[in-house]
Amino acid sequence: MASGDFPLSWNEFQWEEEIRRDERRINGYFRDLPSCLDLPGEEDMIYEKLFSRTELMPIQGKTGALRNWEEDENNDEDEGNSAPTHKLLVQLDCLAVEWNIITVNTLFPAFAADGLKIACAYGKLIVRTANFLEERQMDFSLRISLGKRCLADLNDLAGSLTEIGRKFEELHDDCRTHLEMLGHIREQLLLELKTVRDDIPF
């Protein structure tokens, strides 16, 4: 792989900070959304609030790779992406479906919020993992940052599963099974991350 194939102007720690900033923007959007629903120009109102906070603004001139990655992802959705799905995504999707069934059968409706927390965590992990595994032409440092965020999101999910398994005795075995499967997925993500690091041109 030629050393000039990918820009290396940002290191993984700078990308990590930009990804965290992006997550804070997303959180801010959904926090302000209920107060602006059904109002004329609701999205403009929310964005105006967000962009008034300088700590949430992207660092100018430094987000090209992240922007290109997002644009490529949107184009894939519009045109239909025929690339094969990575086996780890299939496994995560199966676990998420199984968890949704557990939530409906065991926790709904009285404790649905506990189940939805796990469902949302699975959704976030699936999207993050897809970005890490399937966007192979992006900046190396950005891919490494995304891989590290996958592992952090997986650890958060594991923590939530451990907590809910202790809270609801009838879910203890199901949560233990999910934790065992996530442990295997974590090992595979670590191998993928090592592969990315090994491929960095010097």
Protein backbone atom coordinates (compact mmCIF):
# COMPACT_ATOMS: atom_id res chain seq x y z
CA MET A 1 0.00 0.00 0.00
CA ALA A 2 1.48 3.31 -1.08
CA SER A 3 2.21 5.84 1.62
CA GLY A 4 0.34 8.56 -0.28
CA ASP A 5 -2.93 6.65 -0.52
CA PHE A 6 -4.40 8.15 2.65
CA PRO A 7 -3.97 11.51 4.40
CA LEU A 8 -2.32 11.25 7.80
CA SER A 9 -2.60 14.89 8.89
CA TRP A 10 -4.61 14.00 12.00
CA ASN A 11 -3.69 11.38 14.56
CA GLU A 12 -6.19 9.05 16.26
CA PHE A 13 -6.43 11.21 19.37
CA GLN A 14 -7.47 14.26 17.36
CA TRP A 15 -10.08 12.17 15.54
CA GLU A 16 -11.27 10.82 18.88
CA GLU A 17 -11.93 14.35 20.12
CA GLU A 18 -13.79 15.23 16.92
CA ILE A 19 -15.95 12.09 17.20
CA ARG A 20 -16.74 12.98 20.83
CA ARG A 21 -17.66 16.49 19.71
CA ASP A 22 -19.95 15.02 17.05
CA GLU A 23 -21.66 12.85 19.67
CA ARG A 24 -22.22 15.91 21.85
CA ARG A 25 -23.86 17.63 18.86
CA ILE A 26 -26.15 14.62 18.35
CA ASN A 27 -27.05 14.54 22.04
CA GLY A 28 -27.76 18.26 21.94
CA TYR A 29 -29.99 17.83 18.90
CA PHE A 30 -32.18 15.21 20.56
CA ARG A 31 -32.21 17.13 23.84
CA ASP A 32 -33.61 20.24 22.10
CA LEU A 33 -35.90 18.35 19.71
CA PRO A 34 -38.93 17.92 22.06
CA SER A 35 -39.16 21.66 22.72
CA CYS A 36 -39.11 22.46 18.99
CA LEU A 37 -41.38 19.74 17.59
CA ASP A 38 -44.06 20.92 15.16
CA LEU A 39 -42.74 24.48 15.17
CA PRO A 40 -42.03 26.19 11.82
CA GLY A 41 -38.39 25.67 10.91
CA GLU A 42 -37.77 23.36 13.86
CA GLU A 43 -34.47 22.00 12.51
CA ASP A 44 -33.13 25.49 11.79
CA MET A 45 -33.96 26.48 15.36
CA ILE A 46 -32.12 23.47 16.78
CA TYR A 47 -29.07 23.95 14.57
CA GLU A 48 -28.94 27.64 15.48
CA LYS A 49 -28.80 26.65 19.16
CA LEU A 50 -26.12 24.05 18.54
CA PHE A 51 -23.94 26.25 16.38
CA SER A 52 -24.07 29.02 18.96
CA ARG A 53 -21.97 26.75 21.20
CA THR A 54 -18.43 27.05 19.92
CA GLU A 55 -17.27 23.93 21.78
CA LEU A 56 -19.58 21.84 19.55
CA MET A 57 -18.42 23.29 16.26
CA PRO A 58 -16.25 21.08 14.01
CA ILE A 59 -12.65 22.24 13.80
CA GLN A 60 -12.58 24.15 10.52
CA GLY A 61 -10.49 22.69 7.72
CA LYS A 62 -9.79 19.48 9.61
CA THR A 63 -12.88 17.33 9.09
CA GLY A 64 -12.60 16.44 5.42
CA ALA A 65 -12.13 12.72 5.99
CA LEU A 66 -15.04 12.57 8.43
CA ARG A 67 -17.25 14.56 6.06
CA ASN A 68 -16.31 12.37 3.09
CA TRP A 69 -17.02 9.26 5.14
CA GLU A 70 -20.50 10.53 6.02
CA GLU A 71 -21.22 11.51 2.41
CA ASP A 72 -20.08 8.12 1.11
CA GLU A 73 -22.30 6.41 3.68
CA ASN A 74 -25.33 8.42 2.53
CA ASN A 75 -24.57 7.65 -1.11
CA ASP A 76 -24.42 3.94 -0.30
CA GLU A 77 -27.87 4.16 1.28
CA ASP A 78 -29.29 5.95 -1.76
CA GLU A 79 -27.73 3.71 -4.40
CA GLY A 80 -27.89 0.41 -2.56
CA ASN A 81 -24.73 -1.12 -1.19
CA SER A 82 -24.15 -4.62 -2.57
CA ALA A 83 -20.98 -5.28 -0.52
CA PRO A 84 -21.22 -8.39 1.65
CA THR A 85 -22.06 -7.77 5.29
CA HIS A 86 -19.28 -8.55 7.73
CA LYS A 87 -19.96 -11.59 9.93
CA LEU A 88 -19.54 -9.52 13.11
CA LEU A 89 -22.39 -7.27 11.99
CA VAL A 90 -24.57 -10.32 11.38
CA GLN A 91 -23.77 -11.58 14.87
CA LEU A 92 -24.52 -8.20 16.46
CA ASP A 93 -27.76 -7.92 14.53
CA CYS A 94 -28.85 -11.37 15.74
CA LEU A 95 -28.05 -10.45 19.34
CA ALA A 96 -30.00 -7.19 18.98
CA VAL A 97 -33.04 -9.05 17.59
CA GLU A 98 -32.86 -11.60 20.40
CA TRP A 99 -32.68 -8.81 22.95
CA ASN A 100 -35.71 -7.06 21.47
CA ILE A 101 -37.68 -10.30 21.79
CA ILE A 102 -36.58 -10.60 25.43
CA THR A 103 -37.69 -7.02 26.08
CA VAL A 104 -41.14 -7.62 24.61
CA ASN A 105 -41.66 -10.98 26.31
CA THR A 106 -40.17 -10.23 29.72
CA LEU A 107 -39.83 -6.50 30.39
CA PHE A 108 -42.73 -4.97 28.47
CA PRO A 109 -44.53 -2.82 29.44
CA ALA A 110 -43.63 -2.12 33.08
CA PHE A 111 -39.84 -2.24 32.61
CA ALA A 112 -39.61 -1.47 28.91
CA ALA A 113 -37.21 1.43 29.52
CA ASP A 114 -34.61 -0.99 30.90
CA GLY A 115 -34.85 -3.12 27.77
CA LEU A 116 -34.85 -0.15 25.42
CA LYS A 117 -31.60 1.10 26.94
CA ILE A 118 -29.91 -2.13 25.84
CA ALA A 119 -31.64 -2.05 22.43
CA CYS A 120 -30.35 1.47 21.79
CA ALA A 121 -26.85 0.45 22.89
CA TYR A 122 -26.95 -2.43 20.40
CA GLY A 123 -28.10 -0.07 17.65
CA LYS A 124 -25.26 2.34 18.35
CA LEU A 125 -22.69 -0.46 18.42
CA ILE A 126 -23.96 -1.91 15.13
CA VAL A 127 -23.69 1.42 13.32
CA ARG A 128 -20.26 2.16 14.77
CA THR A 129 -18.98 -1.31 13.92
CA ALA A 130 -20.31 -1.05 10.36
CA ASN A 131 -18.47 2.22 9.88
CA PHE A 132 -15.25 0.72 11.24
CA LEU A 133 -15.37 -2.57 9.30
CA GLU A 134 -16.83 -1.54 5.96
CA GLU A 135 -15.29 1.88 5.27
CA ARG A 136 -11.81 0.65 4.38
CA GLN A 137 -10.78 3.59 2.19
CA MET A 138 -10.92 6.20 4.93
CA ASP A 139 -8.09 7.89 6.79
CA PHE A 140 -6.14 5.34 8.86
CA SER A 141 -6.26 7.47 11.99
CA LEU A 142 -10.01 7.89 11.66
CA ARG A 143 -10.50 4.12 11.28
CA ILE A 144 -8.40 3.49 14.38
CA SER A 145 -10.45 6.03 16.32
CA LEU A 146 -13.68 4.39 15.17
CA GLY A 147 -12.34 0.97 16.15
CA LYS A 148 -11.50 2.23 19.62
CA ARG A 149 -14.97 3.76 19.91
CA CYS A 150 -16.47 0.38 18.93
CA LEU A 151 -14.66 -1.22 21.83
CA ALA A 152 -15.76 1.54 24.21
CA ASP A 153 -19.38 1.21 23.07
CA LEU A 154 -19.17 -2.58 23.48
CA ASN A 155 -17.83 -2.15 27.02
CA ASP A 156 -20.70 0.22 27.84
CA LEU A 157 -23.19 -2.31 26.49
CA ALA A 158 -21.58 -5.09 28.52
CA GLY A 159 -21.84 -2.95 31.63
CA SER A 160 -25.53 -2.32 31.02
CA LEU A 161 -26.18 -6.02 30.44
CA THR A 162 -24.38 -6.90 33.67
CA GLU A 163 -26.46 -4.33 35.54
CA ILE A 164 -29.79 -5.51 34.14
CA GLY A 165 -28.87 -9.16 34.74
CA ARG A 166 -28.40 -8.35 38.41
CA LYS A 167 -31.61 -6.31 38.56
CA PHE A 168 -33.82 -8.98 36.99
CA GLU A 169 -33.01 -12.50 38.12
CA GLU A 170 -35.08 -14.03 35.31
CA LEU A 171 -32.74 -12.36 32.77
CA HIS A 172 -29.51 -13.52 34.37
CA ASP A 173 -28.89 -16.42 31.97
CA ASP A 174 -29.86 -14.41 28.88
CA CYS A 175 -27.56 -11.57 29.88
CA ARG A 176 -24.70 -14.00 30.55
CA THR A 177 -25.15 -15.49 27.06
CA HIS A 178 -25.08 -12.03 25.48
CA LEU A 179 -21.96 -11.14 27.46
CA GLU A 180 -20.20 -14.30 26.29
CA MET A 181 -21.04 -13.55 22.65
CA LEU A 182 -19.93 -9.93 23.04
CA GLY A 183 -16.65 -11.21 24.46
CA HIS A 184 -16.01 -13.14 21.24
CA ILE A 185 -16.96 -10.10 19.16
CA ARG A 186 -14.60 -7.94 21.22
CA GLU A 187 -11.72 -10.31 20.42
CA GLN A 188 -12.48 -10.06 16.69
CA LEU A 189 -12.68 -6.26 16.85
CA LEU A 190 -9.29 -6.18 18.56
CA LEU A 191 -7.85 -8.31 15.74
CA GLU A 192 -9.40 -5.99 13.12
CA LEU A 193 -7.97 -2.97 14.91
CA LYS A 194 -4.53 -4.59 14.99
CA THR A 195 -4.79 -5.26 11.25
CA VAL A 196 -5.54 -1.59 10.59
CA ARG A 197 -2.57 -0.51 12.72
CA ASP A 198 -0.29 -3.00 10.91
CA ASP A 199 -1.39 -1.60 7.53
CA ILE A 200 -0.43 2.00 8.35
CA PRO A 201 2.24 3.10 5.85
CA PHE A 202 5.47 4.50 7.23
